[in-house]
N, C-alpha and C. Protein backbone atom coordinates (compact mmCIF):
# COMPACT_ATOMS: atom_id res chain seq x y z
N MET A 1 86.11 111.54 83.94
CA MET A 1 85.39 112.22 82.82
C MET A 1 85.85 112.06 81.25
N GLY A 2 87.44 112.54 81.97
CA GLY A 2 88.29 112.54 80.33
C GLY A 2 88.64 111.00 80.10
N ARG A 3 88.68 110.65 80.18
CA ARG A 3 89.15 108.55 80.71
C ARG A 3 87.30 107.98 80.07
N ALA A 4 86.41 107.98 80.16
CA ALA A 4 84.71 107.58 79.57
C ALA A 4 84.82 108.55 78.42
N VAL A 5 85.48 109.67 77.98
CA VAL A 5 85.04 110.49 76.67
C VAL A 5 86.37 109.58 75.79
N ILE A 6 87.73 109.31 76.32
CA ILE A 6 88.11 108.44 75.29
C ILE A 6 87.82 107.25 75.10
N GLN A 7 87.08 106.32 76.24
CA GLN A 7 86.76 105.35 75.92
C GLN A 7 85.45 105.77 74.89
N ALA A 8 84.86 105.95 74.97
CA ALA A 8 83.99 106.68 73.93
C ALA A 8 84.00 106.78 72.61
N ALA A 9 85.02 107.55 72.59
CA ALA A 9 85.82 108.28 71.39
C ALA A 9 86.59 107.05 70.75
N VAL A 10 86.93 106.05 71.48
CA VAL A 10 87.45 104.54 70.90
C VAL A 10 86.36 103.48 69.85
N SER A 11 84.97 103.19 71.05
CA SER A 11 84.37 102.77 70.32
C SER A 11 83.96 102.83 69.18
N ALA A 12 83.82 104.92 68.92
CA ALA A 12 83.16 104.77 68.14
C ALA A 12 84.19 105.07 66.87
N GLY A 13 85.18 104.62 66.81
CA GLY A 13 86.37 104.16 65.76
C GLY A 13 87.12 105.64 65.74
N LEU A 14 87.17 106.15 66.51
CA LEU A 14 88.31 107.48 66.61
C LEU A 14 89.35 107.28 67.27
N HIS A 15 90.47 107.83 66.73
CA HIS A 15 92.29 107.80 67.59
C HIS A 15 92.52 108.35 68.49
N PRO A 16 92.06 108.33 69.48
CA PRO A 16 92.62 109.78 70.73
C PRO A 16 94.14 110.07 70.51
N VAL A 17 94.40 111.65 70.29
CA VAL A 17 95.68 112.19 70.55
C VAL A 17 96.64 111.75 71.58
N PRO A 18 97.45 111.13 71.71
CA PRO A 18 98.29 110.86 73.06
C PRO A 18 98.99 112.12 74.06
N VAL A 19 98.26 113.11 73.46
CA VAL A 19 98.73 113.95 74.67
C VAL A 19 97.37 114.67 75.47
N SER A 20 97.54 115.23 76.70
CA SER A 20 96.77 116.15 77.54
C SER A 20 97.34 117.14 78.63
N PHE A 21 97.04 117.77 78.39
CA PHE A 21 97.38 119.15 79.21
C PHE A 21 96.61 119.07 80.97
N SER A 22 97.62 119.01 81.97
CA SER A 22 96.96 118.70 83.06
C SER A 22 97.88 120.57 84.35
N CYS A 23 97.52 119.52 85.97
CA CYS A 23 98.79 120.69 86.34
C CYS A 23 99.94 120.54 86.55
N ALA A 24 100.64 121.27 87.10
CA ALA A 24 102.24 121.12 87.10
C ALA A 24 102.32 120.24 87.92
N GLU A 25 101.72 119.33 88.67
CA GLU A 25 102.27 118.51 89.63
C GLU A 25 102.22 117.14 88.72
N GLU A 26 101.34 117.27 87.85
CA GLU A 26 101.24 115.89 87.27
C GLU A 26 101.95 115.82 85.34
N PHE A 27 103.28 116.74 85.86
CA PHE A 27 103.73 116.85 84.66
C PHE A 27 104.90 115.89 83.90
N GLY A 28 104.62 115.80 83.00
CA GLY A 28 105.72 114.54 82.70
C GLY A 28 105.31 113.18 82.99
N GLN A 29 103.72 112.82 83.65
CA GLN A 29 103.51 111.56 84.07
C GLN A 29 102.84 110.98 82.51
N THR A 30 102.31 109.97 82.56
CA THR A 30 101.54 109.11 81.47
C THR A 30 100.59 108.93 82.05
N VAL A 31 99.22 108.74 81.11
CA VAL A 31 98.60 107.52 81.86
C VAL A 31 97.87 106.37 80.57
N GLU A 32 97.16 105.39 81.15
CA GLU A 32 97.21 104.52 80.17
C GLU A 32 95.66 104.50 80.45
N VAL A 33 94.87 104.77 78.72
CA VAL A 33 93.09 104.66 78.85
C VAL A 33 92.99 104.08 77.17
N CYS A 34 92.05 102.64 77.46
CA CYS A 34 92.16 102.22 76.48
C CYS A 34 93.32 101.29 75.71
N GLY A 35 94.60 100.94 76.72
CA GLY A 35 95.39 100.17 76.36
C GLY A 35 96.69 101.47 75.35
N LYS A 36 95.96 102.92 75.61
CA LYS A 36 97.67 103.92 74.86
C LYS A 36 97.64 105.04 75.50
N GLU A 37 98.76 105.26 75.96
CA GLU A 37 100.05 105.56 76.87
C GLU A 37 99.26 107.13 76.25
N ILE A 38 98.84 108.25 77.67
CA ILE A 38 98.43 109.63 76.60
C ILE A 38 99.74 110.23 77.65
N LYS A 39 100.60 111.10 77.09
CA LYS A 39 101.67 112.28 78.04
C LYS A 39 100.82 113.23 78.48
N LEU A 40 101.15 113.22 79.31
CA LEU A 40 100.33 114.79 80.14
C LEU A 40 101.54 115.95 80.65
N HIS A 41 101.14 117.15 80.18
CA HIS A 41 101.77 118.17 79.84
C HIS A 41 101.48 119.20 80.70
N GLY A 42 102.23 120.26 81.30
CA GLY A 42 101.88 120.89 82.63
C GLY A 42 101.30 122.63 81.84
N PRO A 43 101.58 123.16 82.62
CA PRO A 43 100.85 124.40 81.65
C PRO A 43 101.67 125.48 81.07
N SER A 44 103.00 125.42 82.07
CA SER A 44 104.28 125.64 80.82
C SER A 44 104.54 125.99 79.70
N GLY A 45 104.79 126.02 78.75
CA GLY A 45 104.60 125.23 76.93
C GLY A 45 103.32 125.28 76.56
N ARG A 46 102.33 125.30 77.09
CA ARG A 46 101.26 124.68 76.49
C ARG A 46 101.02 125.42 75.13
N GLU A 47 101.34 126.84 74.39
CA GLU A 47 101.11 126.84 73.70
C GLU A 47 101.87 126.37 72.48
N SER A 48 102.78 126.45 72.62
CA SER A 48 103.68 125.56 71.96
C SER A 48 103.61 124.25 71.56
N ILE A 49 103.13 123.48 72.42
CA ILE A 49 103.27 122.45 72.51
C ILE A 49 101.62 121.78 71.33
N LEU A 50 100.61 122.75 72.43
CA LEU A 50 99.36 122.69 71.37
C LEU A 50 99.68 122.59 69.82
N ALA A 51 100.02 123.98 70.04
CA ALA A 51 100.44 124.23 67.96
C ALA A 51 101.46 123.21 67.45
N SER A 52 102.17 122.44 67.83
CA SER A 52 102.64 121.04 67.48
C SER A 52 101.53 120.14 67.22
N VAL A 53 100.58 119.37 68.21
CA VAL A 53 99.92 118.60 67.74
C VAL A 53 99.13 119.31 67.15
N VAL A 54 98.33 120.31 66.44
CA VAL A 54 97.37 120.72 65.68
C VAL A 54 98.71 120.52 64.12
N ASP A 55 99.46 120.32 64.36
CA ASP A 55 100.44 120.30 63.29
C ASP A 55 100.54 119.01 62.97
N GLU A 56 100.47 118.02 63.75
CA GLU A 56 100.83 116.59 64.12
C GLU A 56 99.49 115.62 63.27
N TYR A 57 98.65 116.54 63.90
CA TYR A 57 97.06 116.13 64.07
C TYR A 57 96.23 117.02 63.32
N PRO A 58 96.04 118.05 62.11
CA PRO A 58 95.22 118.88 61.60
C PRO A 58 93.84 118.48 61.69
N ASN A 59 93.47 117.46 61.13
CA ASN A 59 91.68 116.94 62.09
C ASN A 59 91.47 116.96 63.63
N LEU A 60 92.32 117.32 64.31
CA LEU A 60 92.01 117.38 65.70
C LEU A 60 90.67 117.66 66.68
N ILE A 61 89.78 117.65 67.42
CA ILE A 61 89.35 118.04 67.53
C ILE A 61 89.72 117.96 69.54
N VAL A 62 89.77 118.79 70.05
CA VAL A 62 89.68 119.50 71.49
C VAL A 62 88.76 118.98 72.71
N VAL A 63 89.00 118.60 73.67
CA VAL A 63 87.76 118.44 75.06
C VAL A 63 88.04 119.16 75.65
N ASP A 64 88.17 120.02 76.82
CA ASP A 64 88.60 120.86 77.10
C ASP A 64 88.10 120.69 78.81
N TYR A 65 88.76 120.19 79.80
CA TYR A 65 88.47 120.01 81.02
C TYR A 65 89.24 120.81 81.72
N THR A 66 89.19 122.29 81.48
CA THR A 66 90.36 122.71 81.72
C THR A 66 90.81 122.82 83.45
N VAL A 67 91.44 122.64 83.93
CA VAL A 67 91.96 122.72 85.71
C VAL A 67 92.35 124.41 85.53
N PRO A 68 92.43 124.46 87.06
CA PRO A 68 92.79 126.39 87.54
C PRO A 68 94.28 126.03 87.03
N ASP A 69 95.49 125.18 87.06
CA ASP A 69 96.57 126.01 86.79
C ASP A 69 96.67 126.38 85.56
N ALA A 70 95.68 125.20 84.51
CA ALA A 70 96.03 126.06 83.20
C ALA A 70 95.61 127.28 82.68
N VAL A 71 94.61 127.64 83.38
CA VAL A 71 94.51 129.05 83.21
C VAL A 71 94.55 130.33 84.31
N ASN A 72 95.02 129.86 85.10
CA ASN A 72 94.87 130.56 86.48
C ASN A 72 95.84 132.19 86.03
N GLU A 73 96.96 132.25 85.73
CA GLU A 73 97.42 133.36 84.93
C GLU A 73 97.20 134.15 83.92
N TRP A 74 95.77 133.63 83.65
CA TRP A 74 95.54 134.76 82.67
C TRP A 74 93.97 135.50 83.04
N ILE A 75 94.33 135.09 84.48
CA ILE A 75 92.74 135.84 84.92
C ILE A 75 93.21 137.02 85.90
């Protein structure tokens, strides 16, 4: 579903931020969608990473498809 949203965003003329959060097992990987490489980050350090992304992209729109690893420690 995330890939479809990125494809729709690119088709609409938007520019996806090349950062995504995923489970710990996918940390450090990159995926390519619509010719853009997107780096995957795990659950650790997510607050500081998100803060730096918001600083760099102040008009950011976040789409959240939360994986359990991303929120389990808050439950």
